Each structure stands twice: as C-alpha cells, then as structure tokens.
Amino acid sequence: MNKPEQHPDSERLDRLRSGLLDDSPLEKASLEAHLQQCDYCRRAYQWPAQLRAASPVPDERLDRLRHEALAAPAAHRPRLLIPVAAAAAVALVTVALFSLLPGPGSDSPQVAASSQSVPDLYEDLDFYLWLADHKAPGDSST
C-alpha cells in the first residue's frame, strides 16, 4: 500500500480518522505510513480539520446590527404583518362568499321544497281545484 498508485479509499480514511482501526495495528500502521509519503491521501485525510479551520468567525458587526434592530422602537420596524393580515382577510371573505353561493347543479329552494314528501291531504288538491273550475252552475256535488 505504500506504492503511490495504490491509494486507500475514503472509507478506510474515515475508519482511521474515527479510531476504528485501533483494533488492527498492522493496518493502521500501514495506512499511516502511506499518509506520510502521499500528499494526495494526506490532504484527503485532513480535509475535515482544514474545513473547521476555514470556518469564518462570526462578524461582530452583524451582532451589533441585530441588537440595534431588536432594540429599535416598534414604529421603526417594518410592518410585515399588515400584508399577511390583508391576504388572510381577503381569503376569508372569498371563502365566505363562495360558501353562500349555490353550487352548480343545485336546485332552487322551491324545487327542493317540492321534492319533500307531501301529506296525503294535499295529494289530490289539483284535482279538486280543477273540478271547482269546471263545475256547472246547478251542480251541487261539491
């Protein structure tokens, strides 16, 4: 493995970094010897430490600006809630209006009332009304 054309894979480097190769000292020693000789593998092995070292320090100006924004009176803060409240009100009114309108294909209230069950008393009412209109002047049957 000390030959430059045989590089260890990232899994073996991760196992060495995490200490999982402590149980096999021969493999660990061989991998460490390769890292001493190979710049490519050494950089691949050390990238997490380089990443931590390259992380930026928080800027003190941002903290100062954040504290100033929080300490500002409410009148100077941007009013972000107003557009959200307006949109919610419009949505509420829209839903209320659409719930009051009859849906497509729904019958009018008169038709819906006539589709209910009719008492027996009124079942033949049309016949009696017709009979009253066609009654002869001397007919006393009704």
N, C-alpha and C. Protein backbone atom coordinates (compact mmCIF):
# COMPACT_ATOMS: atom_id res chain seq x y z
N MET A 1 0.81 -1.18 0.00
CA MET A 1 0.00 0.00 0.00
C MET A 1 0.86 1.25 0.00
N ASN A 2 2.12 1.16 0.20
CA ASN A 2 2.99 2.33 0.19
C ASN A 2 3.32 2.79 -1.21
N LYS A 3 2.87 2.07 -2.18
CA LYS A 3 3.09 2.50 -3.56
C LYS A 3 2.14 3.64 -3.87
N PRO A 4 2.59 4.67 -4.60
CA PRO A 4 1.74 5.82 -4.87
C PRO A 4 0.52 5.50 -5.72
N GLU A 5 0.54 4.41 -6.52
CA GLU A 5 -0.61 4.12 -7.36
C GLU A 5 -1.72 3.39 -6.59
N GLN A 6 -1.45 2.98 -5.36
CA GLN A 6 -2.47 2.29 -4.57
C GLN A 6 -2.89 3.20 -3.41
N HIS A 7 -3.90 3.99 -3.65
CA HIS A 7 -4.40 4.90 -2.62
C HIS A 7 -5.53 4.23 -1.86
N PRO A 8 -5.62 4.47 -0.56
CA PRO A 8 -6.75 3.92 0.20
C PRO A 8 -8.03 4.67 -0.16
N ASP A 9 -9.13 3.97 -0.04
CA ASP A 9 -10.40 4.62 -0.35
C ASP A 9 -10.84 5.49 0.83
N SER A 10 -11.87 6.28 0.60
CA SER A 10 -12.31 7.23 1.63
C SER A 10 -12.88 6.52 2.85
N GLU A 11 -13.40 5.32 2.66
CA GLU A 11 -13.93 4.58 3.80
C GLU A 11 -12.82 4.21 4.79
N ARG A 12 -11.69 3.78 4.25
CA ARG A 12 -10.57 3.43 5.14
C ARG A 12 -10.01 4.67 5.84
N LEU A 13 -9.98 5.80 5.13
CA LEU A 13 -9.52 7.04 5.76
C LEU A 13 -10.49 7.47 6.85
N ASP A 14 -11.78 7.30 6.62
CA ASP A 14 -12.77 7.62 7.64
C ASP A 14 -12.63 6.71 8.86
N ARG A 15 -12.37 5.44 8.62
CA ARG A 15 -12.18 4.49 9.73
C ARG A 15 -10.95 4.84 10.54
N LEU A 16 -9.89 5.28 9.88
CA LEU A 16 -8.68 5.70 10.60
C LEU A 16 -8.96 6.97 11.40
N ARG A 17 -9.65 7.91 10.78
CA ARG A 17 -9.96 9.18 11.44
C ARG A 17 -10.84 8.97 12.66
N SER A 18 -11.79 8.02 12.58
CA SER A 18 -12.72 7.80 13.69
C SER A 18 -12.17 6.85 14.75
N GLY A 19 -11.00 6.23 14.51
CA GLY A 19 -10.40 5.35 15.51
C GLY A 19 -10.85 3.91 15.41
N LEU A 20 -11.52 3.54 14.33
CA LEU A 20 -11.97 2.16 14.18
C LEU A 20 -10.85 1.21 13.79
N LEU A 21 -9.70 1.73 13.40
CA LEU A 21 -8.57 0.88 13.04
C LEU A 21 -7.63 0.64 14.22
N ASP A 22 -8.02 1.08 15.40
CA ASP A 22 -7.16 0.87 16.57
C ASP A 22 -7.08 -0.60 16.93
N ASP A 23 -8.07 -1.40 16.56
CA ASP A 23 -8.06 -2.83 16.86
C ASP A 23 -7.11 -3.61 15.94
N SER A 24 -6.79 -3.07 14.77
CA SER A 24 -5.86 -3.74 13.86
C SER A 24 -4.63 -2.84 13.66
N PRO A 25 -3.60 -3.01 14.52
CA PRO A 25 -2.45 -2.10 14.48
C PRO A 25 -1.63 -2.20 13.19
N LEU A 26 -1.61 -3.37 12.54
CA LEU A 26 -0.84 -3.50 11.30
C LEU A 26 -1.46 -2.65 10.18
N GLU A 27 -2.77 -2.73 10.04
CA GLU A 27 -3.45 -1.94 9.01
C GLU A 27 -3.33 -0.45 9.30
N LYS A 28 -3.44 -0.09 10.57
CA LYS A 28 -3.32 1.30 10.95
C LYS A 28 -1.93 1.84 10.68
N ALA A 29 -0.90 1.05 11.02
CA ALA A 29 0.49 1.49 10.80
C ALA A 29 0.78 1.61 9.31
N SER A 30 0.27 0.67 8.53
CA SER A 30 0.49 0.72 7.09
C SER A 30 -0.20 1.93 6.47
N LEU A 31 -1.40 2.25 6.91
CA LEU A 31 -2.13 3.39 6.40
C LEU A 31 -1.46 4.70 6.81
N GLU A 32 -0.99 4.78 8.05
CA GLU A 32 -0.28 5.99 8.50
C GLU A 32 1.03 6.19 7.74
N ALA A 33 1.72 5.08 7.42
CA ALA A 33 2.96 5.18 6.65
C ALA A 33 2.66 5.70 5.25
N HIS A 34 1.57 5.25 4.67
CA HIS A 34 1.19 5.74 3.34
C HIS A 34 0.85 7.23 3.39
N LEU A 35 0.18 7.66 4.45
CA LEU A 35 -0.17 9.06 4.58
C LEU A 35 1.08 9.94 4.74
N GLN A 36 2.14 9.40 5.33
CA GLN A 36 3.37 10.15 5.47
C GLN A 36 4.03 10.39 4.10
N GLN A 37 3.84 9.46 3.16
CA GLN A 37 4.51 9.55 1.88
C GLN A 37 3.64 10.19 0.78
N CYS A 38 2.35 10.10 0.90
CA CYS A 38 1.47 10.52 -0.19
C CYS A 38 0.76 11.83 0.17
N ASP A 39 1.03 12.89 -0.59
CA ASP A 39 0.41 14.18 -0.33
C ASP A 39 -1.09 14.16 -0.64
N TYR A 40 -1.47 13.47 -1.70
CA TYR A 40 -2.88 13.39 -2.10
C TYR A 40 -3.73 12.77 -0.99
N CYS A 41 -3.30 11.65 -0.46
CA CYS A 41 -4.05 10.97 0.60
C CYS A 41 -4.00 11.77 1.90
N ARG A 42 -2.89 12.44 2.17
CA ARG A 42 -2.78 13.25 3.39
C ARG A 42 -3.80 14.39 3.36
N ARG A 43 -3.94 15.04 2.18
CA ARG A 43 -4.93 16.11 2.06
C ARG A 43 -6.35 15.57 2.19
N ALA A 44 -6.59 14.38 1.64
CA ALA A 44 -7.92 13.77 1.75
C ALA A 44 -8.22 13.37 3.20
N TYR A 45 -7.18 12.99 3.94
CA TYR A 45 -7.35 12.60 5.33
C TYR A 45 -7.58 13.82 6.23
N GLN A 46 -6.96 14.95 5.90
CA GLN A 46 -7.01 16.12 6.77
C GLN A 46 -8.10 17.12 6.38
N TRP A 47 -8.93 16.84 5.41
CA TRP A 47 -9.89 17.85 4.98
C TRP A 47 -10.89 18.26 6.05
N PRO A 48 -11.35 17.38 6.97
CA PRO A 48 -12.27 17.90 7.99
C PRO A 48 -11.61 18.93 8.91
N ALA A 49 -10.35 18.72 9.25
CA ALA A 49 -9.65 19.69 10.10
C ALA A 49 -9.45 21.01 9.36
N GLN A 50 -9.16 20.93 8.06
CA GLN A 50 -8.99 22.15 7.26
C GLN A 50 -10.33 22.88 7.13
N LEU A 51 -11.39 22.13 7.05
CA LEU A 51 -12.71 22.74 6.94
C LEU A 51 -13.07 23.48 8.23
N ARG A 52 -12.78 22.87 9.37
CA ARG A 52 -13.05 23.54 10.64
C ARG A 52 -12.20 24.79 10.79
N ALA A 53 -10.94 24.74 10.33
CA ALA A 53 -10.06 25.89 10.44
C ALA A 53 -10.49 27.02 9.51
N ALA A 54 -11.13 26.68 8.41
CA ALA A 54 -11.53 27.69 7.44
C ALA A 54 -12.88 28.32 7.76
N SER A 55 -13.58 27.81 8.77
CA SER A 55 -14.90 28.37 9.07
C SER A 55 -14.74 29.80 9.58
N PRO A 56 -15.54 30.71 9.10
CA PRO A 56 -15.37 32.11 9.47
C PRO A 56 -15.81 32.37 10.91
N VAL A 57 -15.16 33.32 11.50
CA VAL A 57 -15.54 33.77 12.84
C VAL A 57 -16.74 34.69 12.68
N PRO A 58 -17.73 34.56 13.53
CA PRO A 58 -18.90 35.42 13.38
C PRO A 58 -18.51 36.90 13.45
N ASP A 59 -19.07 37.65 12.56
CA ASP A 59 -18.76 39.06 12.47
C ASP A 59 -19.46 39.82 13.59
N GLU A 60 -18.71 40.61 14.31
CA GLU A 60 -19.28 41.37 15.42
C GLU A 60 -20.24 42.45 14.93
N ARG A 61 -20.05 42.91 13.70
CA ARG A 61 -20.96 43.93 13.17
C ARG A 61 -22.37 43.40 13.01
N LEU A 62 -22.48 42.13 12.61
CA LEU A 62 -23.81 41.54 12.46
C LEU A 62 -24.51 41.44 13.81
N ASP A 63 -23.76 41.07 14.85
CA ASP A 63 -24.37 41.02 16.18
C ASP A 63 -24.83 42.41 16.62
N ARG A 64 -24.02 43.42 16.36
CA ARG A 64 -24.37 44.78 16.74
C ARG A 64 -25.63 45.23 15.99
N LEU A 65 -25.69 44.95 14.69
CA LEU A 65 -26.86 45.33 13.90
C LEU A 65 -28.12 44.60 14.38
N ARG A 66 -27.97 43.34 14.73
CA ARG A 66 -29.11 42.57 15.22
C ARG A 66 -29.63 43.15 16.53
N HIS A 67 -28.71 43.49 17.44
CA HIS A 67 -29.14 44.08 18.71
C HIS A 67 -29.79 45.44 18.50
N GLU A 68 -29.28 46.21 17.57
CA GLU A 68 -29.89 47.51 17.29
C GLU A 68 -31.29 47.35 16.70
N ALA A 69 -31.46 46.37 15.84
CA ALA A 69 -32.78 46.15 15.24
C ALA A 69 -33.78 45.69 16.28
N LEU A 70 -33.35 44.87 17.21
CA LEU A 70 -34.25 44.40 18.25
C LEU A 70 -34.58 45.51 19.25
N ALA A 71 -33.64 46.41 19.45
CA ALA A 71 -33.86 47.49 20.41
C ALA A 71 -34.63 48.65 19.80
N ALA A 72 -34.80 48.66 18.50
CA ALA A 72 -35.50 49.78 17.84
C ALA A 72 -36.95 49.79 18.27
N PRO A 73 -37.54 50.98 18.38
CA PRO A 73 -38.97 51.04 18.74
C PRO A 73 -39.83 50.39 17.66
N ALA A 74 -41.02 50.02 18.05
CA ALA A 74 -41.91 49.29 17.14
C ALA A 74 -42.30 50.12 15.93
N ALA A 75 -42.28 51.45 16.04
CA ALA A 75 -42.65 52.30 14.92
C ALA A 75 -41.64 52.23 13.79
N HIS A 76 -40.39 51.94 14.10
CA HIS A 76 -39.36 51.89 13.08
C HIS A 76 -39.20 50.51 12.46
N ARG A 77 -39.83 49.52 13.03
CA ARG A 77 -39.72 48.17 12.48
C ARG A 77 -40.59 48.06 11.23
N PRO A 78 -40.17 47.30 10.28
CA PRO A 78 -41.01 47.13 9.08
C PRO A 78 -42.29 46.40 9.44
N ARG A 79 -43.36 46.84 8.84
CA ARG A 79 -44.67 46.25 9.14
C ARG A 79 -44.94 45.10 8.18
N LEU A 80 -44.42 43.97 8.54
CA LEU A 80 -44.57 42.78 7.69
C LEU A 80 -45.88 42.07 7.94
N LEU A 81 -46.50 42.34 9.08
CA LEU A 81 -47.72 41.64 9.41
C LEU A 81 -48.93 42.19 8.65
N ILE A 82 -48.88 43.43 8.23
CA ILE A 82 -50.01 44.05 7.55
C ILE A 82 -50.34 43.34 6.23
N PRO A 83 -49.38 43.08 5.35
CA PRO A 83 -49.73 42.36 4.11
C PRO A 83 -50.25 40.95 4.37
N VAL A 84 -49.70 40.29 5.37
CA VAL A 84 -50.16 38.94 5.69
C VAL A 84 -51.60 38.98 6.21
N ALA A 85 -51.90 39.96 7.06
CA ALA A 85 -53.26 40.08 7.59
C ALA A 85 -54.25 40.44 6.48
N ALA A 86 -53.84 41.29 5.55
CA ALA A 86 -54.71 41.66 4.43
C ALA A 86 -55.00 40.45 3.55
N ALA A 87 -54.00 39.67 3.27
CA ALA A 87 -54.19 38.46 2.45
C ALA A 87 -55.11 37.47 3.16
N ALA A 88 -54.95 37.33 4.48
CA ALA A 88 -55.83 36.42 5.22
C ALA A 88 -57.27 36.91 5.21
N ALA A 89 -57.47 38.23 5.32
CA ALA A 89 -58.83 38.77 5.29
C ALA A 89 -59.48 38.55 3.93
N VAL A 90 -58.74 38.77 2.86
CA VAL A 90 -59.27 38.55 1.51
C VAL A 90 -59.64 37.08 1.32
N ALA A 91 -58.79 36.18 1.80
CA ALA A 91 -59.07 34.75 1.68
C ALA A 91 -60.31 34.37 2.48
N LEU A 92 -60.46 34.95 3.66
CA LEU A 92 -61.63 34.64 4.49
C LEU A 92 -62.91 35.13 3.83
N VAL A 93 -62.90 36.34 3.29
CA VAL A 93 -64.08 36.88 2.62
C VAL A 93 -64.42 36.04 1.39
N THR A 94 -63.41 35.64 0.64
CA THR A 94 -63.64 34.82 -0.55
C THR A 94 -64.27 33.48 -0.19
N VAL A 95 -63.76 32.85 0.84
CA VAL A 95 -64.32 31.56 1.26
C VAL A 95 -65.76 31.73 1.75
N ALA A 96 -66.02 32.81 2.48
CA ALA A 96 -67.38 33.04 2.97
C ALA A 96 -68.35 33.29 1.83
N LEU A 97 -67.94 34.06 0.83
CA LEU A 97 -68.83 34.33 -0.30
C LEU A 97 -69.11 33.07 -1.11
N PHE A 98 -68.09 32.27 -1.34
CA PHE A 98 -68.29 31.07 -2.13
C PHE A 98 -69.09 30.02 -1.37
N SER A 99 -69.04 30.04 -0.05
CA SER A 99 -69.85 29.07 0.69
C SER A 99 -71.32 29.48 0.70
N LEU A 100 -71.62 30.77 0.52
CA LEU A 100 -73.01 31.21 0.50
C LEU A 100 -73.67 31.02 -0.86
N LEU A 101 -72.89 31.03 -1.94
CA LEU A 101 -73.44 30.86 -3.28
C LEU A 101 -73.84 29.41 -3.50
N PRO A 102 -74.96 29.18 -4.20
CA PRO A 102 -75.33 27.79 -4.50
C PRO A 102 -74.35 27.22 -5.52
N GLY A 103 -74.07 25.97 -5.35
CA GLY A 103 -73.13 25.31 -6.24
C GLY A 103 -73.76 25.00 -7.58
N PRO A 104 -72.97 24.63 -8.57
CA PRO A 104 -73.52 24.30 -9.89
C PRO A 104 -74.36 23.03 -9.80
N GLY A 105 -75.52 23.08 -10.42
CA GLY A 105 -76.39 21.92 -10.45
C GLY A 105 -77.29 21.81 -9.23
N SER A 106 -77.16 22.73 -8.30
CA SER A 106 -78.03 22.64 -7.13
C SER A 106 -79.39 23.23 -7.48
N ASP A 107 -80.42 22.67 -6.91
CA ASP A 107 -81.78 23.13 -7.20
C ASP A 107 -82.10 24.36 -6.37
N SER A 108 -83.07 25.11 -6.86
CA SER A 108 -83.51 26.28 -6.11
C SER A 108 -84.28 25.81 -4.87
N PRO A 109 -84.49 26.68 -3.88
CA PRO A 109 -85.20 26.25 -2.66
C PRO A 109 -86.63 25.79 -2.93
N GLN A 110 -87.31 26.39 -3.94
CA GLN A 110 -88.68 25.98 -4.22
C GLN A 110 -88.73 24.55 -4.73
N VAL A 111 -87.82 24.23 -5.62
CA VAL A 111 -87.79 22.88 -6.17
C VAL A 111 -87.40 21.89 -5.09
N ALA A 112 -86.49 22.31 -4.22
CA ALA A 112 -86.08 21.41 -3.15
C ALA A 112 -87.23 21.17 -2.20
N ALA A 113 -88.05 22.19 -1.96
CA ALA A 113 -89.19 22.02 -1.06
C ALA A 113 -90.23 21.10 -1.67
N SER A 114 -90.41 21.14 -2.99
CA SER A 114 -91.43 20.30 -3.61
C SER A 114 -90.98 18.85 -3.69
N SER A 115 -89.72 18.59 -3.54
CA SER A 115 -89.26 17.21 -3.63
C SER A 115 -89.42 16.48 -2.30
N GLN A 116 -89.84 17.21 -1.26
CA GLN A 116 -90.07 16.55 0.03
C GLN A 116 -91.39 15.79 -0.02
N SER A 117 -91.60 14.96 0.94
CA SER A 117 -92.83 14.17 0.94
C SER A 117 -94.05 15.08 1.20
N VAL A 118 -95.10 14.84 0.45
CA VAL A 118 -96.32 15.66 0.51
C VAL A 118 -97.35 14.90 1.37
N PRO A 119 -97.99 15.60 2.30
CA PRO A 119 -99.03 14.90 3.09
C PRO A 119 -100.17 14.43 2.20
N ASP A 120 -100.89 13.40 2.64
CA ASP A 120 -101.98 12.81 1.86
C ASP A 120 -103.12 13.81 1.61
N LEU A 121 -103.34 14.73 2.51
CA LEU A 121 -104.41 15.70 2.37
C LEU A 121 -104.27 16.52 1.10
N TYR A 122 -103.06 16.89 0.76
CA TYR A 122 -102.82 17.77 -0.40
C TYR A 122 -102.50 17.00 -1.68
N GLU A 123 -102.53 15.70 -1.63
CA GLU A 123 -102.13 14.91 -2.78
C GLU A 123 -103.06 15.13 -3.98
N ASP A 124 -104.36 15.20 -3.76
CA ASP A 124 -105.33 15.35 -4.84
C ASP A 124 -105.86 16.77 -4.92
N LEU A 125 -105.17 17.73 -4.39
CA LEU A 125 -105.62 19.12 -4.39
C LEU A 125 -105.78 19.65 -5.81
N ASP A 126 -104.88 19.29 -6.70
CA ASP A 126 -105.01 19.74 -8.10
C ASP A 126 -106.32 19.28 -8.73
N PHE A 127 -106.69 18.06 -8.42
CA PHE A 127 -107.95 17.54 -8.98
C PHE A 127 -109.15 18.34 -8.47
N TYR A 128 -109.16 18.62 -7.19
CA TYR A 128 -110.29 19.35 -6.62
C TYR A 128 -110.33 20.79 -7.13
N LEU A 129 -109.19 21.42 -7.34
CA LEU A 129 -109.17 22.76 -7.91
C LEU A 129 -109.69 22.74 -9.35
N TRP A 130 -109.32 21.75 -10.11
CA TRP A 130 -109.81 21.61 -11.50
C TRP A 130 -111.32 21.39 -11.50
N LEU A 131 -111.77 20.57 -10.58
CA LEU A 131 -113.20 20.26 -10.51
C LEU A 131 -114.01 21.50 -10.14
N ALA A 132 -113.44 22.35 -9.26
CA ALA A 132 -114.15 23.57 -8.87
C ALA A 132 -114.23 24.53 -10.03
N ASP A 133 -113.23 24.58 -10.88
CA ASP A 133 -113.25 25.46 -12.05
C ASP A 133 -114.24 24.98 -13.11
N HIS A 134 -114.50 23.72 -13.21
CA HIS A 134 -115.35 23.15 -14.26
C HIS A 134 -116.74 22.77 -13.76
N LYS A 135 -117.08 23.23 -12.65
CA LYS A 135 -118.38 22.91 -12.07
C LYS A 135 -119.49 23.69 -12.79
N ALA A 136 -120.49 23.00 -13.06
CA ALA A 136 -121.66 23.66 -13.70
C ALA A 136 -122.41 24.48 -12.67
N PRO A 137 -123.14 25.54 -13.07
CA PRO A 137 -123.81 26.40 -12.12
C PRO A 137 -124.86 25.66 -11.27
N GLY A 138 -125.51 24.68 -11.77
CA GLY A 138 -126.54 24.00 -10.99
C GLY A 138 -126.03 22.76 -10.30
N ASP A 139 -124.78 22.44 -10.41
CA ASP A 139 -124.21 21.21 -9.82
C ASP A 139 -123.89 21.47 -8.35
N SER A 140 -124.44 20.63 -7.48
CA SER A 140 -124.22 20.83 -6.05
C SER A 140 -123.42 19.68 -5.43
N SER A 141 -122.71 18.93 -6.25
CA SER A 141 -121.99 17.78 -5.73
C SER A 141 -120.73 18.15 -4.96
N THR A 142 -120.28 19.35 -5.14
CA THR A 142 -119.05 19.72 -4.42
C THR A 142 -119.33 20.68 -3.32
